[in-house]
N, C-alpha and C. Protein backbone atom coordinates (compact mmCIF):
# COMPACT_ATOMS: atom_id res chain seq x y z
N UNK A 1 10.80 -124.77 188.54
CA UNK A 1 10.41 -123.47 188.93
C UNK A 1 11.65 -122.82 189.59
N UNK A 2 11.97 -121.64 189.16
CA UNK A 2 13.08 -120.90 189.75
C UNK A 2 12.60 -119.99 190.84
N UNK A 3 13.15 -120.17 192.05
CA UNK A 3 12.74 -119.36 193.20
C UNK A 3 13.89 -118.41 193.55
N UNK A 4 13.52 -117.20 193.83
CA UNK A 4 14.48 -116.16 194.23
C UNK A 4 14.19 -115.85 195.70
N UNK A 5 15.13 -116.20 196.60
CA UNK A 5 14.85 -116.03 198.01
C UNK A 5 14.70 -114.57 198.43
N UNK A 6 15.20 -113.65 197.65
CA UNK A 6 15.02 -112.23 197.96
C UNK A 6 13.58 -111.80 197.75
N UNK A 7 12.83 -112.56 196.94
CA UNK A 7 11.45 -112.26 196.61
C UNK A 7 10.65 -113.58 196.62
N UNK A 8 10.75 -114.31 197.69
CA UNK A 8 10.12 -115.64 197.73
C UNK A 8 8.63 -115.58 197.59
N UNK A 9 8.01 -114.51 198.00
CA UNK A 9 6.56 -114.38 197.88
C UNK A 9 6.10 -114.52 196.43
N UNK A 10 6.95 -114.17 195.49
CA UNK A 10 6.60 -114.31 194.07
C UNK A 10 6.53 -115.74 193.62
N UNK A 11 7.03 -116.66 194.45
CA UNK A 11 6.99 -118.11 194.10
C UNK A 11 5.72 -118.78 194.46
N UNK A 12 4.94 -118.21 195.40
CA UNK A 12 3.74 -118.87 195.89
C UNK A 12 2.71 -119.21 194.80
N UNK A 13 2.45 -118.27 193.86
CA UNK A 13 1.47 -118.64 192.81
C UNK A 13 1.91 -119.81 191.94
N UNK A 14 3.22 -119.89 191.63
CA UNK A 14 3.74 -120.99 190.78
C UNK A 14 3.65 -122.28 191.54
N UNK A 15 4.01 -122.29 192.83
CA UNK A 15 3.92 -123.51 193.64
C UNK A 15 2.46 -123.97 193.71
N UNK A 16 1.58 -123.05 193.97
CA UNK A 16 0.16 -123.39 194.05
C UNK A 16 -0.33 -123.98 192.71
N UNK A 17 0.08 -123.40 191.61
CA UNK A 17 -0.33 -123.89 190.29
C UNK A 17 0.13 -125.35 190.10
N UNK A 18 1.41 -125.59 190.37
CA UNK A 18 1.95 -126.95 190.14
C UNK A 18 1.42 -127.96 191.11
N UNK A 19 1.16 -127.56 192.36
CA UNK A 19 0.66 -128.53 193.32
C UNK A 19 -0.85 -128.77 193.25
N UNK A 20 -1.64 -127.79 192.79
CA UNK A 20 -3.07 -127.92 192.91
C UNK A 20 -3.80 -127.84 191.56
N UNK A 21 -3.29 -127.21 190.55
CA UNK A 21 -4.00 -127.00 189.29
C UNK A 21 -3.65 -127.95 188.16
N UNK A 22 -2.46 -128.53 188.21
CA UNK A 22 -2.06 -129.42 187.15
C UNK A 22 -1.35 -130.64 187.76
N UNK A 23 -1.32 -131.71 187.05
CA UNK A 23 -0.63 -132.90 187.53
C UNK A 23 0.68 -133.06 186.77
N UNK A 24 1.60 -132.15 187.07
CA UNK A 24 2.89 -132.18 186.40
C UNK A 24 3.98 -132.24 187.46
N UNK A 25 4.98 -133.07 187.25
CA UNK A 25 6.12 -133.09 188.15
C UNK A 25 6.84 -131.74 188.04
N UNK A 26 7.37 -131.28 189.17
CA UNK A 26 8.14 -130.06 189.11
C UNK A 26 9.24 -130.06 190.16
N UNK A 27 10.19 -129.22 189.93
CA UNK A 27 11.35 -129.07 190.81
C UNK A 27 11.46 -127.61 191.17
N UNK A 28 11.80 -127.32 192.42
CA UNK A 28 12.05 -125.94 192.81
C UNK A 28 13.55 -125.72 192.85
N UNK A 29 13.98 -124.75 192.13
CA UNK A 29 15.40 -124.42 192.05
C UNK A 29 15.62 -123.04 192.71
N UNK A 30 16.44 -123.02 193.74
CA UNK A 30 16.74 -121.73 194.40
C UNK A 30 17.92 -121.08 193.69
N UNK A 31 17.67 -119.88 193.17
CA UNK A 31 18.73 -119.20 192.46
C UNK A 31 19.79 -118.66 193.43
N UNK A 32 21.00 -118.91 193.13
CA UNK A 32 22.14 -118.41 193.94
C UNK A 32 22.53 -117.02 193.48
N UNK A 33 22.88 -116.17 194.42
CA UNK A 33 23.38 -114.82 194.09
C UNK A 33 24.84 -114.81 194.48
N UNK A 34 25.67 -114.49 193.50
CA UNK A 34 27.13 -114.46 193.73
C UNK A 34 27.62 -115.82 194.23
N UNK A 35 26.99 -116.91 193.80
CA UNK A 35 27.39 -118.24 194.14
C UNK A 35 27.13 -118.62 195.60
N UNK A 36 26.30 -117.87 196.28
CA UNK A 36 26.05 -118.05 197.71
C UNK A 36 24.61 -118.49 197.97
N UNK A 37 24.44 -119.56 198.71
CA UNK A 37 23.11 -119.97 199.12
C UNK A 37 22.82 -119.25 200.42
N UNK A 38 21.87 -118.30 200.38
CA UNK A 38 21.60 -117.44 201.55
C UNK A 38 20.68 -118.10 202.55
N UNK A 39 19.93 -119.11 202.14
CA UNK A 39 19.02 -119.82 203.03
C UNK A 39 19.19 -121.35 202.78
N UNK A 40 19.20 -122.12 203.83
CA UNK A 40 19.26 -123.57 203.61
C UNK A 40 18.04 -124.05 202.79
N UNK A 41 18.29 -125.03 201.95
CA UNK A 41 17.19 -125.52 201.07
C UNK A 41 15.99 -126.03 201.85
N UNK A 42 16.24 -126.63 203.01
CA UNK A 42 15.10 -127.10 203.81
C UNK A 42 14.27 -125.96 204.36
N UNK A 43 14.94 -124.81 204.60
CA UNK A 43 14.16 -123.62 205.03
C UNK A 43 13.31 -123.09 203.89
N UNK A 44 13.83 -123.15 202.68
CA UNK A 44 13.02 -122.71 201.52
C UNK A 44 11.88 -123.68 201.31
N UNK A 45 12.14 -124.98 201.48
CA UNK A 45 11.04 -125.97 201.36
C UNK A 45 9.95 -125.68 202.34
N UNK A 46 10.32 -125.40 203.60
CA UNK A 46 9.33 -125.08 204.62
C UNK A 46 8.59 -123.81 204.35
N UNK A 47 9.31 -122.77 203.90
CA UNK A 47 8.68 -121.49 203.61
C UNK A 47 7.65 -121.58 202.50
N UNK A 48 7.95 -122.46 201.52
CA UNK A 48 7.03 -122.63 200.37
C UNK A 48 6.00 -123.71 200.65
N UNK A 49 6.10 -124.38 201.81
CA UNK A 49 5.18 -125.45 202.22
C UNK A 49 5.15 -126.55 201.15
N UNK A 50 6.34 -126.95 200.67
CA UNK A 50 6.45 -128.00 199.67
C UNK A 50 6.35 -129.38 200.28
N UNK A 51 5.74 -130.28 199.59
CA UNK A 51 5.70 -131.66 200.01
C UNK A 51 7.10 -132.28 199.86
N UNK A 52 7.32 -133.35 200.60
CA UNK A 52 8.62 -133.98 200.64
C UNK A 52 9.03 -134.57 199.29
N UNK A 53 8.08 -134.83 198.41
CA UNK A 53 8.42 -135.47 197.12
C UNK A 53 8.81 -134.44 196.06
N UNK A 54 8.79 -133.17 196.37
CA UNK A 54 9.23 -132.14 195.43
C UNK A 54 10.71 -131.83 195.65
N UNK A 55 11.56 -132.14 194.66
CA UNK A 55 12.99 -131.86 194.82
C UNK A 55 13.25 -130.34 194.93
N UNK A 56 14.14 -129.98 195.83
CA UNK A 56 14.57 -128.60 195.95
C UNK A 56 16.06 -128.62 195.75
N UNK A 57 16.55 -127.80 194.82
CA UNK A 57 17.95 -127.74 194.50
C UNK A 57 18.39 -126.31 194.38
N UNK A 58 19.68 -126.08 194.29
CA UNK A 58 20.20 -124.73 194.14
C UNK A 58 20.92 -124.63 192.80
N UNK A 59 20.87 -123.43 192.24
CA UNK A 59 21.46 -123.24 190.90
C UNK A 59 21.85 -121.77 190.72
N UNK A 60 22.97 -121.56 190.06
CA UNK A 60 23.33 -120.20 189.63
C UNK A 60 22.88 -120.09 188.18
N UNK A 61 21.81 -119.39 187.98
CA UNK A 61 21.18 -119.29 186.63
C UNK A 61 22.13 -118.70 185.58
N UNK A 62 23.22 -118.08 186.00
CA UNK A 62 24.22 -117.54 185.02
C UNK A 62 25.24 -118.56 184.63
N UNK A 63 25.27 -119.70 185.30
CA UNK A 63 26.29 -120.72 185.08
C UNK A 63 25.71 -121.90 184.30
N UNK A 64 26.14 -122.09 183.04
CA UNK A 64 25.56 -123.15 182.22
C UNK A 64 25.69 -124.54 182.87
N UNK A 65 26.79 -124.83 183.53
CA UNK A 65 26.93 -126.17 184.15
C UNK A 65 25.96 -126.34 185.28
N UNK A 66 25.72 -125.29 186.06
CA UNK A 66 24.78 -125.35 187.15
C UNK A 66 23.35 -125.53 186.63
N UNK A 67 23.03 -124.85 185.55
CA UNK A 67 21.70 -124.97 184.93
C UNK A 67 21.54 -126.40 184.40
N UNK A 68 22.57 -126.96 183.78
CA UNK A 68 22.50 -128.32 183.29
C UNK A 68 22.24 -129.29 184.38
N UNK A 69 22.91 -129.14 185.52
CA UNK A 69 22.68 -130.06 186.64
C UNK A 69 21.23 -129.98 187.12
N UNK A 70 20.68 -128.76 187.17
CA UNK A 70 19.30 -128.57 187.62
C UNK A 70 18.32 -129.20 186.62
N UNK A 71 18.58 -129.06 185.34
CA UNK A 71 17.74 -129.67 184.34
C UNK A 71 17.76 -131.18 184.45
N UNK A 72 18.92 -131.75 184.77
CA UNK A 72 19.03 -133.18 184.97
C UNK A 72 18.18 -133.64 186.16
N UNK A 73 18.18 -132.86 187.24
CA UNK A 73 17.36 -133.19 188.39
C UNK A 73 15.87 -133.19 187.96
N UNK A 74 15.48 -132.20 187.17
CA UNK A 74 14.11 -132.12 186.70
C UNK A 74 13.72 -133.30 185.84
N UNK A 75 14.60 -133.69 184.93
CA UNK A 75 14.33 -134.83 184.04
C UNK A 75 14.26 -136.10 184.85
N UNK A 76 15.21 -136.32 185.74
CA UNK A 76 15.19 -137.53 186.56
C UNK A 76 13.92 -137.60 187.42
N UNK A 77 13.50 -136.49 187.98
CA UNK A 77 12.28 -136.44 188.79
C UNK A 77 11.06 -136.77 187.92
N UNK A 78 11.01 -136.18 186.77
CA UNK A 78 9.89 -136.45 185.84
C UNK A 78 9.86 -137.92 185.46
N UNK A 79 11.01 -138.48 185.14
CA UNK A 79 11.07 -139.91 184.75
C UNK A 79 10.60 -140.77 185.93
N UNK A 80 11.02 -140.47 187.14
CA UNK A 80 10.63 -141.28 188.30
C UNK A 80 9.14 -141.15 188.55
N UNK A 81 8.57 -139.99 188.36
CA UNK A 81 7.12 -139.80 188.61
C UNK A 81 6.26 -140.43 187.54
N UNK A 82 6.75 -140.45 186.32
CA UNK A 82 5.94 -140.96 185.19
C UNK A 82 6.22 -142.42 184.84
N UNK A 83 7.26 -142.99 185.47
CA UNK A 83 7.57 -144.37 185.21
C UNK A 83 8.34 -144.64 183.97
N UNK A 84 8.99 -143.67 183.42
CA UNK A 84 9.80 -143.90 182.23
C UNK A 84 10.33 -142.63 181.66
N UNK A 85 11.01 -142.76 180.53
CA UNK A 85 11.60 -141.57 179.91
C UNK A 85 10.51 -140.64 179.40
N UNK A 86 10.78 -139.34 179.51
CA UNK A 86 9.87 -138.35 178.96
C UNK A 86 9.89 -138.42 177.45
N UNK A 87 8.72 -138.35 176.78
CA UNK A 87 8.74 -138.35 175.32
C UNK A 87 9.43 -137.13 174.76
N UNK A 88 10.16 -137.34 173.73
CA UNK A 88 10.84 -136.23 173.08
C UNK A 88 9.93 -135.56 172.09
N UNK A 89 9.97 -134.25 172.08
CA UNK A 89 9.18 -133.51 171.11
C UNK A 89 9.78 -133.74 169.73
N UNK A 90 8.94 -133.83 168.73
CA UNK A 90 9.48 -134.01 167.37
C UNK A 90 10.36 -132.82 167.00
N UNK A 91 11.38 -133.11 166.23
CA UNK A 91 12.29 -132.08 165.74
C UNK A 91 11.61 -131.37 164.59
N UNK A 92 11.29 -130.05 164.74
CA UNK A 92 10.55 -129.36 163.68
C UNK A 92 11.37 -129.26 162.39
N UNK A 93 12.68 -129.44 162.46
CA UNK A 93 13.49 -129.37 161.27
C UNK A 93 13.24 -130.58 160.36
N UNK A 94 12.66 -131.63 160.92
CA UNK A 94 12.39 -132.83 160.13
C UNK A 94 11.07 -132.74 159.37
N UNK A 95 10.29 -131.74 159.69
CA UNK A 95 8.99 -131.52 159.04
C UNK A 95 9.24 -130.84 157.68
N UNK A 96 8.38 -131.20 156.70
CA UNK A 96 8.50 -130.61 155.37
C UNK A 96 8.38 -129.10 155.40
N UNK A 97 7.53 -128.60 156.28
CA UNK A 97 7.33 -127.16 156.32
C UNK A 97 8.56 -126.39 156.73
N UNK A 98 9.52 -127.03 157.34
CA UNK A 98 10.71 -126.32 157.78
C UNK A 98 11.90 -126.49 156.83
N UNK A 99 11.74 -127.29 155.79
CA UNK A 99 12.83 -127.50 154.87
C UNK A 99 12.97 -126.32 153.93
N UNK A 100 14.20 -125.93 153.71
CA UNK A 100 14.45 -124.82 152.78
C UNK A 100 14.74 -125.39 151.39
N UNK A 101 14.10 -124.80 150.42
CA UNK A 101 14.32 -125.23 149.03
C UNK A 101 15.20 -124.23 148.35
N UNK A 102 16.14 -124.77 147.60
CA UNK A 102 17.08 -123.89 146.88
C UNK A 102 16.49 -123.42 145.56
């Protein structure tokens, strides 16, 4: 879940959904503006009333390397919560319906 500290109130419905409506691991990622973290991550955790087992990280959504690091945090958290690697979705290009015929 991407949280924007300028509009943190917009994050409450998503946090509520993940914590109460579904049993899915999730990570809260605080979007950086101009590469600056305007609030400490623990302050964001407290403001969103997140449990200690929800990872909170920072990311500049415009920076591919930063996004990659955040996705790795999410995958590692999911693997830890589920006890193993996440199943890979089948590659639709391997299905007959996606093959192009000449």
